[in-house]
Amino acid sequence: MNTHEDGAKCVVASTVVKVLTHRREDRGMRLEEFTSRCVRRGEVHELVTTDQLEQQPGARVDRVGFLGFVEIHAAGVIDRGDEVWYGNSLVGTVLGFDSCHFPNHYNILIAAPHLVTGPDLDLKPDGALSFRQRTARVPAGAGAGSGAGAGA
């Protein structure tokens, strides 16, 4: 999240429509230069985990775990750094996008500590998955009245 440019936004809700079960060490995806993508209601996109955290445009992403495909519920914006949640479990954060299948769908790359697949997370068809704006973490004791906050 770029705090100098990004304001609040809606959660992008989706439903799992297909679970994927495999990993690859040689996938050859390319990280797009764009840090955000607009999505429309009814679009279907593929979710892929990676432990490769390079964020430079054009970076090659080989180590991937395939989660599955999701259908978007309502138009919204998915940004690099958004948290990806399956039910009440944090899957990881959006690393970026690969467009090798576009305009059919984007591969949404999710940074995770290790490669996971759909079954590793117990993903099920019709399961709820969401993209949520990561909020700034406020250190303990920095709340209201401590001098931190707006304008600080």
N, C-alpha and C. Protein backbone atom coordinates (compact mmCIF):
# COMPACT_ATOMS: atom_id res chain seq x y z
N MET A 1 0.85 -1.18 0.00
CA MET A 1 0.00 0.00 0.00
C MET A 1 0.89 1.23 0.00
N ASN A 2 0.64 2.12 -0.92
CA ASN A 2 1.36 3.39 -0.99
C ASN A 2 0.56 4.42 -0.21
N THR A 3 0.97 4.72 1.01
CA THR A 3 0.20 5.61 1.88
C THR A 3 0.16 7.04 1.37
N HIS A 4 1.03 7.38 0.41
CA HIS A 4 1.01 8.73 -0.17
C HIS A 4 -0.01 8.85 -1.29
N GLU A 5 -0.50 7.73 -1.81
CA GLU A 5 -1.43 7.75 -2.93
C GLU A 5 -2.73 7.01 -2.67
N ASP A 6 -2.70 5.96 -1.85
CA ASP A 6 -3.85 5.08 -1.72
C ASP A 6 -4.71 5.43 -0.53
N GLY A 7 -6.00 5.63 -0.80
CA GLY A 7 -6.98 5.78 0.26
C GLY A 7 -7.64 4.45 0.50
N ALA A 8 -8.72 4.48 1.28
CA ALA A 8 -9.46 3.27 1.60
C ALA A 8 -10.11 2.70 0.34
N LYS A 9 -10.36 1.41 0.37
CA LYS A 9 -11.05 0.76 -0.75
C LYS A 9 -11.89 -0.40 -0.24
N CYS A 10 -12.74 -0.91 -1.11
CA CYS A 10 -13.59 -2.04 -0.77
C CYS A 10 -12.81 -3.34 -0.79
N VAL A 11 -13.23 -4.27 0.01
CA VAL A 11 -12.72 -5.64 -0.04
C VAL A 11 -13.17 -6.24 -1.37
N VAL A 12 -12.29 -6.95 -2.03
CA VAL A 12 -12.66 -7.68 -3.25
C VAL A 12 -12.97 -9.11 -2.83
N ALA A 13 -14.25 -9.44 -2.88
CA ALA A 13 -14.71 -10.77 -2.47
C ALA A 13 -14.79 -11.68 -3.69
N SER A 14 -14.51 -12.96 -3.47
CA SER A 14 -14.57 -13.93 -4.55
C SER A 14 -14.94 -15.29 -4.00
N THR A 15 -15.23 -16.19 -4.93
CA THR A 15 -15.57 -17.57 -4.60
C THR A 15 -14.66 -18.51 -5.38
N VAL A 16 -14.14 -19.52 -4.70
CA VAL A 16 -13.33 -20.54 -5.36
C VAL A 16 -14.24 -21.30 -6.33
N VAL A 17 -13.80 -21.39 -7.61
CA VAL A 17 -14.57 -22.14 -8.61
C VAL A 17 -13.84 -23.39 -9.09
N LYS A 18 -12.53 -23.47 -8.84
CA LYS A 18 -11.75 -24.66 -9.18
C LYS A 18 -10.51 -24.70 -8.30
N VAL A 19 -10.22 -25.85 -7.76
CA VAL A 19 -9.04 -26.05 -6.92
C VAL A 19 -7.94 -26.68 -7.77
N LEU A 20 -6.72 -26.15 -7.61
CA LEU A 20 -5.55 -26.71 -8.29
C LEU A 20 -4.64 -27.37 -7.27
N THR A 21 -3.88 -28.36 -7.71
CA THR A 21 -3.18 -29.24 -6.75
C THR A 21 -1.68 -29.38 -6.98
N HIS A 22 -1.11 -28.64 -7.90
CA HIS A 22 0.28 -28.92 -8.27
C HIS A 22 1.23 -27.76 -7.97
N ARG A 23 2.53 -28.09 -7.99
CA ARG A 23 3.62 -27.13 -7.81
C ARG A 23 4.52 -27.22 -9.03
N ARG A 24 5.27 -26.14 -9.27
CA ARG A 24 6.29 -26.17 -10.33
C ARG A 24 7.51 -25.40 -9.86
N GLU A 25 8.66 -25.83 -10.33
CA GLU A 25 9.93 -25.16 -10.03
C GLU A 25 10.47 -24.43 -11.25
N ASP A 26 9.75 -24.53 -12.38
CA ASP A 26 10.24 -23.98 -13.65
C ASP A 26 9.15 -23.26 -14.43
N ARG A 27 8.24 -22.58 -13.76
CA ARG A 27 7.04 -22.05 -14.41
C ARG A 27 7.33 -20.91 -15.38
N GLY A 28 8.25 -20.02 -15.06
CA GLY A 28 8.60 -18.95 -15.99
C GLY A 28 7.58 -17.84 -16.09
N MET A 29 6.83 -17.57 -15.04
CA MET A 29 5.92 -16.42 -15.04
C MET A 29 6.75 -15.14 -14.99
N ARG A 30 6.19 -14.05 -15.45
CA ARG A 30 6.86 -12.74 -15.44
C ARG A 30 6.02 -11.75 -14.67
N LEU A 31 6.64 -11.08 -13.71
CA LEU A 31 5.94 -10.09 -12.89
C LEU A 31 5.67 -8.85 -13.74
N GLU A 32 4.40 -8.51 -13.86
CA GLU A 32 4.00 -7.33 -14.62
C GLU A 32 4.48 -6.06 -13.93
N GLU A 33 4.63 -5.00 -14.68
CA GLU A 33 5.07 -3.72 -14.13
C GLU A 33 4.00 -3.04 -13.29
N PHE A 34 2.75 -3.43 -13.49
CA PHE A 34 1.63 -2.77 -12.81
C PHE A 34 1.49 -3.29 -11.38
N THR A 35 1.27 -2.37 -10.44
CA THR A 35 1.13 -2.76 -9.04
C THR A 35 -0.33 -2.95 -8.64
N SER A 36 -1.25 -2.66 -9.55
CA SER A 36 -2.67 -2.88 -9.27
C SER A 36 -3.37 -3.30 -10.55
N ARG A 37 -4.48 -3.97 -10.38
CA ARG A 37 -5.32 -4.38 -11.51
C ARG A 37 -6.77 -4.21 -11.09
N CYS A 38 -7.57 -3.66 -11.97
CA CYS A 38 -9.01 -3.57 -11.75
C CYS A 38 -9.62 -4.90 -12.17
N VAL A 39 -10.59 -5.34 -11.40
CA VAL A 39 -11.30 -6.58 -11.71
C VAL A 39 -12.79 -6.28 -11.77
N ARG A 40 -13.49 -7.06 -12.57
CA ARG A 40 -14.93 -6.87 -12.76
C ARG A 40 -15.71 -8.05 -12.18
N ARG A 41 -16.94 -7.77 -11.84
CA ARG A 41 -17.84 -8.81 -11.36
C ARG A 41 -17.92 -9.93 -12.40
N GLY A 42 -17.78 -11.15 -11.95
CA GLY A 42 -17.90 -12.31 -12.82
C GLY A 42 -16.60 -12.76 -13.46
N GLU A 43 -15.54 -11.94 -13.37
CA GLU A 43 -14.26 -12.38 -13.93
C GLU A 43 -13.71 -13.55 -13.11
N VAL A 44 -12.94 -14.39 -13.79
CA VAL A 44 -12.29 -15.52 -13.14
C VAL A 44 -10.78 -15.33 -13.27
N HIS A 45 -10.05 -15.45 -12.14
CA HIS A 45 -8.60 -15.29 -12.13
C HIS A 45 -7.97 -16.45 -11.37
N GLU A 46 -6.71 -16.74 -11.73
CA GLU A 46 -5.97 -17.84 -11.14
C GLU A 46 -5.10 -17.34 -10.00
N LEU A 47 -5.03 -18.09 -8.92
CA LEU A 47 -4.22 -17.73 -7.76
C LEU A 47 -3.05 -18.68 -7.63
N VAL A 48 -1.86 -18.09 -7.47
CA VAL A 48 -0.62 -18.85 -7.45
C VAL A 48 0.25 -18.34 -6.30
N THR A 49 0.74 -19.24 -5.46
CA THR A 49 1.65 -18.82 -4.39
C THR A 49 3.09 -18.93 -4.87
N THR A 50 3.95 -18.10 -4.28
CA THR A 50 5.38 -18.19 -4.55
C THR A 50 6.16 -17.75 -3.32
N ASP A 51 7.36 -18.31 -3.18
CA ASP A 51 8.26 -17.86 -2.12
C ASP A 51 9.37 -16.99 -2.71
N GLN A 52 9.28 -16.66 -4.00
CA GLN A 52 10.21 -15.74 -4.65
C GLN A 52 9.63 -14.34 -4.49
N LEU A 53 10.35 -13.46 -3.82
CA LEU A 53 9.79 -12.17 -3.45
C LEU A 53 10.31 -11.00 -4.27
N GLU A 54 11.02 -11.25 -5.35
CA GLU A 54 11.51 -10.20 -6.24
C GLU A 54 10.33 -9.41 -6.80
N GLN A 55 10.37 -8.07 -6.69
CA GLN A 55 9.26 -7.23 -7.13
C GLN A 55 9.58 -6.38 -8.35
N GLN A 56 10.74 -6.56 -8.95
CA GLN A 56 11.10 -5.77 -10.12
C GLN A 56 10.25 -6.20 -11.32
N PRO A 57 9.73 -5.22 -12.10
CA PRO A 57 8.97 -5.58 -13.30
C PRO A 57 9.79 -6.50 -14.19
N GLY A 58 9.15 -7.54 -14.68
CA GLY A 58 9.81 -8.50 -15.55
C GLY A 58 10.50 -9.62 -14.81
N ALA A 59 10.54 -9.55 -13.47
CA ALA A 59 11.19 -10.62 -12.70
C ALA A 59 10.57 -11.97 -13.05
N ARG A 60 11.42 -12.97 -13.23
CA ARG A 60 10.96 -14.32 -13.56
C ARG A 60 10.57 -15.03 -12.26
N VAL A 61 9.39 -15.65 -12.26
CA VAL A 61 8.89 -16.39 -11.10
C VAL A 61 8.74 -17.85 -11.53
N ASP A 62 9.63 -18.70 -11.00
CA ASP A 62 9.63 -20.12 -11.35
C ASP A 62 8.99 -21.00 -10.29
N ARG A 63 9.28 -20.73 -9.01
CA ARG A 63 8.78 -21.59 -7.92
C ARG A 63 7.36 -21.16 -7.56
N VAL A 64 6.39 -22.01 -7.90
CA VAL A 64 4.99 -21.66 -7.67
C VAL A 64 4.19 -22.85 -7.15
N GLY A 65 3.17 -22.53 -6.38
CA GLY A 65 2.18 -23.50 -5.93
C GLY A 65 0.82 -22.99 -6.39
N PHE A 66 0.07 -23.83 -7.07
CA PHE A 66 -1.20 -23.41 -7.65
C PHE A 66 -2.34 -23.64 -6.66
N LEU A 67 -3.10 -22.57 -6.38
CA LEU A 67 -4.23 -22.66 -5.46
C LEU A 67 -5.51 -23.01 -6.19
N GLY A 68 -5.81 -22.25 -7.24
CA GLY A 68 -7.04 -22.49 -7.98
C GLY A 68 -7.52 -21.22 -8.65
N PHE A 69 -8.78 -21.26 -9.08
CA PHE A 69 -9.42 -20.13 -9.75
C PHE A 69 -10.54 -19.60 -8.88
N VAL A 70 -10.69 -18.27 -8.90
CA VAL A 70 -11.77 -17.63 -8.15
C VAL A 70 -12.60 -16.75 -9.09
N GLU A 71 -13.90 -16.62 -8.78
CA GLU A 71 -14.78 -15.71 -9.48
C GLU A 71 -15.01 -14.48 -8.61
N ILE A 72 -14.82 -13.31 -9.21
CA ILE A 72 -14.96 -12.03 -8.50
C ILE A 72 -16.44 -11.69 -8.32
N HIS A 73 -16.83 -11.26 -7.12
CA HIS A 73 -18.24 -10.94 -6.82
C HIS A 73 -18.66 -9.56 -7.31
N ALA A 74 -17.79 -8.56 -7.18
CA ALA A 74 -18.13 -7.19 -7.56
C ALA A 74 -16.85 -6.49 -8.00
N ALA A 75 -17.01 -5.49 -8.85
CA ALA A 75 -15.84 -4.75 -9.35
C ALA A 75 -15.02 -4.20 -8.19
N GLY A 76 -13.70 -4.13 -8.40
CA GLY A 76 -12.81 -3.61 -7.38
C GLY A 76 -11.40 -3.49 -7.90
N VAL A 77 -10.48 -3.20 -6.99
CA VAL A 77 -9.07 -3.04 -7.33
C VAL A 77 -8.26 -3.96 -6.43
N ILE A 78 -7.39 -4.75 -7.04
CA ILE A 78 -6.46 -5.59 -6.29
C ILE A 78 -5.08 -4.96 -6.43
N ASP A 79 -4.43 -4.68 -5.30
CA ASP A 79 -3.14 -4.01 -5.25
C ASP A 79 -2.06 -4.94 -4.73
N ARG A 80 -0.82 -4.71 -5.19
CA ARG A 80 0.33 -5.38 -4.58
C ARG A 80 0.30 -5.05 -3.09
N GLY A 81 0.50 -6.05 -2.27
CA GLY A 81 0.48 -5.86 -0.82
C GLY A 81 -0.86 -6.17 -0.17
N ASP A 82 -1.93 -6.31 -0.97
CA ASP A 82 -3.22 -6.69 -0.37
C ASP A 82 -3.09 -8.06 0.29
N GLU A 83 -3.77 -8.22 1.39
CA GLU A 83 -3.81 -9.53 2.06
C GLU A 83 -4.83 -10.42 1.37
N VAL A 84 -4.49 -11.69 1.24
CA VAL A 84 -5.39 -12.67 0.64
C VAL A 84 -5.86 -13.60 1.75
N TRP A 85 -7.17 -13.65 1.93
CA TRP A 85 -7.77 -14.43 3.02
C TRP A 85 -8.67 -15.52 2.44
N TYR A 86 -8.53 -16.73 2.97
CA TYR A 86 -9.47 -17.81 2.66
C TYR A 86 -10.23 -18.06 3.95
N GLY A 87 -11.48 -17.68 3.96
CA GLY A 87 -12.25 -17.71 5.21
C GLY A 87 -11.56 -16.81 6.23
N ASN A 88 -11.18 -17.37 7.37
CA ASN A 88 -10.51 -16.60 8.42
C ASN A 88 -9.00 -16.82 8.45
N SER A 89 -8.44 -17.41 7.40
CA SER A 89 -7.01 -17.71 7.36
C SER A 89 -6.29 -16.83 6.34
N LEU A 90 -5.21 -16.20 6.79
CA LEU A 90 -4.37 -15.40 5.90
C LEU A 90 -3.54 -16.34 5.04
N VAL A 91 -3.67 -16.21 3.71
CA VAL A 91 -2.92 -17.03 2.77
C VAL A 91 -1.56 -16.40 2.50
N GLY A 92 -1.52 -15.09 2.33
CA GLY A 92 -0.30 -14.35 2.01
C GLY A 92 -0.69 -12.97 1.51
N THR A 93 0.24 -12.31 0.81
CA THR A 93 -0.04 -10.99 0.26
C THR A 93 0.21 -10.99 -1.24
N VAL A 94 -0.54 -10.15 -1.94
CA VAL A 94 -0.39 -10.07 -3.39
C VAL A 94 1.00 -9.53 -3.71
N LEU A 95 1.76 -10.32 -4.47
CA LEU A 95 3.09 -9.91 -4.93
C LEU A 95 2.97 -9.14 -6.23
N GLY A 96 2.04 -9.55 -7.07
CA GLY A 96 1.85 -8.90 -8.36
C GLY A 96 1.05 -9.78 -9.29
N PHE A 97 1.24 -9.54 -10.59
CA PHE A 97 0.40 -10.16 -11.60
C PHE A 97 1.24 -10.67 -12.76
N ASP A 98 0.83 -11.79 -13.32
CA ASP A 98 1.41 -12.34 -14.54
C ASP A 98 0.28 -12.39 -15.55
N SER A 99 0.53 -11.91 -16.77
CA SER A 99 -0.55 -11.82 -17.75
C SER A 99 -0.37 -12.77 -18.93
N CYS A 100 0.32 -13.89 -18.73
CA CYS A 100 0.57 -14.80 -19.86
C CYS A 100 -0.72 -15.38 -20.43
N HIS A 101 -1.81 -15.41 -19.67
CA HIS A 101 -3.09 -15.93 -20.16
C HIS A 101 -4.10 -14.83 -20.47
N PHE A 102 -3.72 -13.56 -20.23
CA PHE A 102 -4.65 -12.45 -20.45
C PHE A 102 -4.91 -12.30 -21.94
N PRO A 103 -6.14 -12.04 -22.39
CA PRO A 103 -7.28 -11.51 -21.63
C PRO A 103 -8.18 -12.56 -20.99
N ASN A 104 -7.83 -13.83 -21.10
CA ASN A 104 -8.65 -14.85 -20.47
C ASN A 104 -8.68 -14.68 -18.95
N HIS A 105 -7.51 -14.56 -18.34
CA HIS A 105 -7.43 -14.33 -16.90
C HIS A 105 -6.02 -13.88 -16.53
N TYR A 106 -5.90 -13.28 -15.35
CA TYR A 106 -4.60 -12.98 -14.76
C TYR A 106 -4.19 -14.12 -13.85
N ASN A 107 -2.88 -14.32 -13.72
CA ASN A 107 -2.32 -15.10 -12.61
C ASN A 107 -2.03 -14.08 -11.52
N ILE A 108 -2.68 -14.20 -10.40
CA ILE A 108 -2.42 -13.31 -9.27
C ILE A 108 -1.41 -14.03 -8.38
N LEU A 109 -0.20 -13.44 -8.31
CA LEU A 109 0.90 -14.06 -7.57
C LEU A 109 0.82 -13.64 -6.11
N ILE A 110 0.86 -14.62 -5.22
CA ILE A 110 0.71 -14.39 -3.79
C ILE A 110 2.00 -14.78 -3.08
N ALA A 111 2.63 -13.81 -2.42
CA ALA A 111 3.84 -14.08 -1.65
C ALA A 111 3.45 -14.86 -0.39
N ALA A 112 4.15 -15.97 -0.18
CA ALA A 112 3.89 -16.82 0.98
C ALA A 112 5.23 -17.35 1.49
N PRO A 113 5.32 -17.73 2.77
CA PRO A 113 6.59 -18.22 3.31
C PRO A 113 7.08 -19.49 2.62
N HIS A 114 6.16 -20.32 2.12
CA HIS A 114 6.51 -21.52 1.37
C HIS A 114 5.39 -21.80 0.37
N LEU A 115 5.71 -22.60 -0.64
CA LEU A 115 4.73 -22.91 -1.68
C LEU A 115 3.61 -23.76 -1.11
N VAL A 116 2.38 -23.33 -1.37
CA VAL A 116 1.21 -24.12 -0.98
C VAL A 116 0.29 -24.26 -2.17
N THR A 117 -0.49 -25.33 -2.17
CA THR A 117 -1.47 -25.59 -3.21
C THR A 117 -2.87 -25.55 -2.60
N GLY A 118 -3.88 -25.69 -3.44
CA GLY A 118 -5.25 -25.68 -2.95
C GLY A 118 -5.49 -26.68 -1.82
N PRO A 119 -5.12 -27.95 -2.01
CA PRO A 119 -5.35 -28.92 -0.93
C PRO A 119 -4.58 -28.61 0.35
N ASP A 120 -3.39 -28.00 0.22
CA ASP A 120 -2.63 -27.64 1.42
C ASP A 120 -3.42 -26.69 2.32
N LEU A 121 -4.25 -25.84 1.70
CA LEU A 121 -5.07 -24.88 2.45
C LEU A 121 -6.50 -25.36 2.64
N ASP A 122 -6.76 -26.58 2.20
CA ASP A 122 -8.11 -27.16 2.26
C ASP A 122 -9.12 -26.30 1.49
N LEU A 123 -8.67 -25.70 0.37
CA LEU A 123 -9.59 -24.94 -0.47
C LEU A 123 -10.66 -25.87 -1.01
N LYS A 124 -11.88 -25.34 -1.08
CA LYS A 124 -13.03 -26.10 -1.59
C LYS A 124 -13.79 -25.23 -2.58
N PRO A 125 -14.37 -25.83 -3.62
CA PRO A 125 -15.26 -25.06 -4.49
C PRO A 125 -16.36 -24.41 -3.66
N ASP A 126 -16.70 -23.19 -4.01
CA ASP A 126 -17.68 -22.35 -3.30
C ASP A 126 -17.13 -21.73 -2.02
N GLY A 127 -15.85 -21.95 -1.70
CA GLY A 127 -15.25 -21.32 -0.54
C GLY A 127 -15.04 -19.83 -0.76
N ALA A 128 -15.14 -19.05 0.31
CA ALA A 128 -14.99 -17.59 0.24
C ALA A 128 -13.52 -17.19 0.34
N LEU A 129 -13.07 -16.40 -0.62
CA LEU A 129 -11.71 -15.89 -0.62
C LEU A 129 -11.79 -14.39 -0.89
N SER A 130 -10.99 -13.60 -0.15
CA SER A 130 -11.06 -12.14 -0.31
C SER A 130 -9.68 -11.52 -0.37
N PHE A 131 -9.64 -10.36 -1.02
CA PHE A 131 -8.45 -9.53 -1.12
C PHE A 131 -8.74 -8.28 -0.29
N ARG A 132 -7.94 -8.06 0.76
CA ARG A 132 -8.20 -6.97 1.69
C ARG A 132 -7.00 -6.03 1.75
N GLN A 133 -7.30 -4.75 1.75
CA GLN A 133 -6.24 -3.75 1.85
C GLN A 133 -5.52 -3.93 3.18
N ARG A 134 -4.21 -4.01 3.08
CA ARG A 134 -3.41 -4.12 4.31
C ARG A 134 -3.42 -2.77 4.97
N THR A 135 -3.72 -2.74 6.23
CA THR A 135 -3.74 -1.48 6.97
C THR A 135 -2.42 -1.31 7.69
N ALA A 136 -2.05 -0.05 7.90
CA ALA A 136 -0.81 0.23 8.62
C ALA A 136 -0.93 -0.36 10.02
N ARG A 137 0.08 -1.04 10.44
CA ARG A 137 0.11 -1.62 11.78
C ARG A 137 0.56 -0.53 12.76
N VAL A 138 -0.24 -0.27 13.79
CA VAL A 138 0.08 0.75 14.78
C VAL A 138 0.80 0.08 15.94
N PRO A 139 2.03 0.53 16.25
CA PRO A 139 2.76 -0.07 17.38
C PRO A 139 1.98 0.10 18.68
N ALA A 140 2.15 -0.84 19.58
CA ALA A 140 1.49 -0.76 20.88
C ALA A 140 1.86 0.56 21.56
N GLY A 141 0.86 1.20 22.13
CA GLY A 141 1.09 2.47 22.83
C GLY A 141 1.09 3.69 21.93
N ALA A 142 0.85 3.49 20.63
CA ALA A 142 0.88 4.63 19.71
C ALA A 142 -0.51 5.05 19.32
N GLY A 143 -1.49 4.73 20.10
CA GLY A 143 -2.88 5.05 19.77
C GLY A 143 -3.21 6.51 20.07
N ALA A 144 -4.49 6.79 20.17
CA ALA A 144 -4.98 8.14 20.41
C ALA A 144 -4.36 8.73 21.67
N GLY A 145 -4.01 9.99 21.58
CA GLY A 145 -3.46 10.69 22.74
C GLY A 145 -1.96 10.54 22.91
N SER A 146 -1.31 9.74 22.05
CA SER A 146 0.13 9.54 22.22
C SER A 146 0.96 10.38 21.26
N GLY A 147 0.27 11.22 20.48
CA GLY A 147 1.00 12.05 19.53
C GLY A 147 1.11 11.41 18.16
N ALA A 148 0.73 10.15 18.04
CA ALA A 148 0.75 9.48 16.72
C ALA A 148 -0.61 9.63 16.08
N GLY A 149 -0.67 9.46 14.80
CA GLY A 149 -1.94 9.51 14.12
C GLY A 149 -1.91 10.50 12.99
N ALA A 150 -3.09 10.98 12.61
CA ALA A 150 -3.19 11.87 11.46
C ALA A 150 -2.31 13.09 11.64
N GLY A 151 -1.55 13.36 10.60
CA GLY A 151 -0.70 14.53 10.62
C GLY A 151 0.61 14.35 11.35
N ALA A 152 0.81 13.19 12.00
CA ALA A 152 2.05 12.97 12.74
C ALA A 152 3.16 12.53 11.84
